[in-house]
Amino acid sequence: MRANPRVVASFNNETGDHCVDIFQRYDGSFGFEEYRRDPEDLRGWFPLHRYDGLVFTSESDALQRAKSAVEWMASP
């Protein structure tokens, strides 16, 4: 059985309703995904874009791509 990816970093936007997780897969590769949650929905976080299929060789490469793909992460 394959292990679930391990989150190595997580970033929230200013309002706390969006986040980006950088994760490491069982094979050592990295990826990221953006999630959203709505306060009225108690089911939790939902993936937004399906970035999780992108593969990077390092955490910093995944973070750099996330910053260019997710608008609120590019903000100063």
C-alpha atoms as a PDB file:
ATOM      1  CA  MET A   1       0.000   0.000   0.000  1.00  0.00           C
ATOM      2  CA  ARG A   2       1.341   3.424  -0.955  1.00  0.00           C
ATOM      3  CA  ALA A   3       1.575   6.099   1.694  1.00  0.00           C
ATOM      4  CA  ASN A   4      -0.340   9.337   1.234  1.00  0.00           C
ATOM      5  CA  PRO A   5       1.728  12.348   0.252  1.00  0.00           C
ATOM      6  CA  ARG A   6       3.236  14.178   3.223  1.00  0.00           C
ATOM      7  CA  VAL A   7       2.555  17.914   3.509  1.00  0.00           C
ATOM      8  CA  VAL A   8       5.878  19.714   3.969  1.00  0.00           C
ATOM      9  CA  ALA A   9       4.568  23.305   3.900  1.00  0.00           C
ATOM     10  CA  SER A  10       1.188  24.997   4.015  1.00  0.00           C
ATOM     11  CA  PHE A  11       0.319  28.611   3.215  1.00  0.00           C
ATOM     12  CA  ASN A  12      -2.971  30.409   3.948  1.00  0.00           C
ATOM     13  CA  ASN A  13      -4.296  33.559   2.323  1.00  0.00           C
ATOM     14  CA  GLU A  14      -5.110  36.611   4.462  1.00  0.00           C
ATOM     15  CA  THR A  15      -8.736  35.625   5.054  1.00  0.00           C
ATOM     16  CA  GLY A  16      -7.999  31.974   5.795  1.00  0.00           C
ATOM     17  CA  ASP A  17     -10.424  30.584   3.222  1.00  0.00           C
ATOM     18  CA  HIS A  18      -7.762  29.438   0.731  1.00  0.00           C
ATOM     19  CA  CYS A  19      -4.551  27.524   1.288  1.00  0.00           C
ATOM     20  CA  VAL A  20      -1.784  25.930  -0.733  1.00  0.00           C
ATOM     21  CA  ASP A  21      -0.115  22.742   0.442  1.00  0.00           C
ATOM     22  CA  ILE A  22       3.300  21.706  -0.818  1.00  0.00           C
ATOM     23  CA  PHE A  23       3.653  17.938  -0.461  1.00  0.00           C
ATOM     24  CA  GLN A  24       6.142  15.142  -1.002  1.00  0.00           C
ATOM     25  CA  ARG A  25       5.019  11.906  -2.634  1.00  0.00           C
ATOM     26  CA  TYR A  26       6.129   8.402  -1.709  1.00  0.00           C
ATOM     27  CA  ASP A  27       8.578   8.411  -4.659  1.00  0.00           C
ATOM     28  CA  GLY A  28      10.339  11.542  -3.376  1.00  0.00           C
ATOM     29  CA  SER A  29       8.828  13.941  -5.915  1.00  0.00           C
ATOM     30  CA  PHE A  30       6.972  17.087  -4.861  1.00  0.00           C
ATOM     31  CA  GLY A  31       3.706  18.741  -5.816  1.00  0.00           C
ATOM     32  CA  PHE A  32       1.192  21.321  -4.655  1.00  0.00           C
ATOM     33  CA  GLU A  33      -2.524  21.999  -4.563  1.00  0.00           C
ATOM     34  CA  GLU A  34      -4.712  24.981  -3.764  1.00  0.00           C
ATOM     35  CA  TYR A  35      -7.715  24.398  -1.491  1.00  0.00           C
ATOM     36  CA  ARG A  36     -10.785  26.393  -0.479  1.00  0.00           C
ATOM     37  CA  ARG A  37     -13.081  26.163   2.499  1.00  0.00           C
ATOM     38  CA  ASP A  38     -16.383  27.865   3.143  1.00  0.00           C
ATOM     39  CA  PRO A  39     -17.268  28.722   6.755  1.00  0.00           C
ATOM     40  CA  GLU A  40     -20.851  27.527   6.310  1.00  0.00           C
ATOM     41  CA  ASP A  41     -19.707  24.128   4.989  1.00  0.00           C
ATOM     42  CA  LEU A  42     -18.365  21.953   7.802  1.00  0.00           C
ATOM     43  CA  ARG A  43     -16.906  19.316   5.447  1.00  0.00           C
ATOM     44  CA  GLY A  44     -13.535  21.100   5.310  1.00  0.00           C
ATOM     45  CA  TRP A  45     -11.124  21.912   2.491  1.00  0.00           C
ATOM     46  CA  PHE A  46     -11.797  21.289  -1.227  1.00  0.00           C
ATOM     47  CA  PRO A  47      -9.175  21.153  -4.009  1.00  0.00           C
ATOM     48  CA  LEU A  48      -9.595  23.853  -6.633  1.00  0.00           C
ATOM     49  CA  HIS A  49      -7.389  23.291  -9.668  1.00  0.00           C
ATOM     50  CA  ARG A  50      -5.960  19.783  -9.790  1.00  0.00           C
ATOM     51  CA  TYR A  51      -2.381  21.034  -9.649  1.00  0.00           C
ATOM     52  CA  ASP A  52      -1.608  17.904  -7.633  1.00  0.00           C
ATOM     53  CA  GLY A  53      -0.688  16.012 -10.814  1.00  0.00           C
ATOM     54  CA  LEU A  54       2.272  18.291 -11.538  1.00  0.00           C
ATOM     55  CA  VAL A  55       5.628  16.750 -10.563  1.00  0.00           C
ATOM     56  CA  PHE A  56       8.666  18.631  -9.255  1.00  0.00           C
ATOM     57  CA  THR A  57      12.069  17.407  -8.152  1.00  0.00           C
ATOM     58  CA  SER A  58      12.306  19.738  -5.151  1.00  0.00           C
ATOM     59  CA  GLU A  59      10.136  21.522  -2.613  1.00  0.00           C
ATOM     60  CA  SER A  60      11.481  24.883  -3.790  1.00  0.00           C
ATOM     61  CA  ASP A  61      10.524  24.117  -7.417  1.00  0.00           C
ATOM     62  CA  ALA A  62       6.971  23.235  -6.330  1.00  0.00           C
ATOM     63  CA  LEU A  63       6.750  26.409  -4.245  1.00  0.00           C
ATOM     64  CA  GLN A  64       8.022  28.580  -7.102  1.00  0.00           C
ATOM     65  CA  ARG A  65       5.400  27.125  -9.471  1.00  0.00           C
ATOM     66  CA  ALA A  66       2.657  27.553  -6.855  1.00  0.00           C
ATOM     67  CA  LYS A  67       3.590  31.222  -6.480  1.00  0.00           C
ATOM     68  CA  SER A  68       3.274  31.720 -10.233  1.00  0.00           C
ATOM     69  CA  ALA A  69       0.024  29.724 -10.541  1.00  0.00           C
ATOM     70  CA  VAL A  70      -1.899  30.944  -7.481  1.00  0.00           C
ATOM     71  CA  GLU A  71      -2.655  34.646  -7.694  1.00  0.00           C
ATOM     72  CA  TRP A  72      -2.839  35.426  -3.960  1.00  0.00           C
ATOM     73  CA  MET A  73       0.567  33.771  -3.350  1.00  0.00           C
ATOM     74  CA  ALA A  74       2.233  36.161  -5.799  1.00  0.00           C
ATOM     75  CA  SER A  75       1.023  39.175  -3.833  1.00  0.00           C
ATOM     76  CA  PRO A  76       3.684  40.866  -1.680  1.00  0.00           C
END
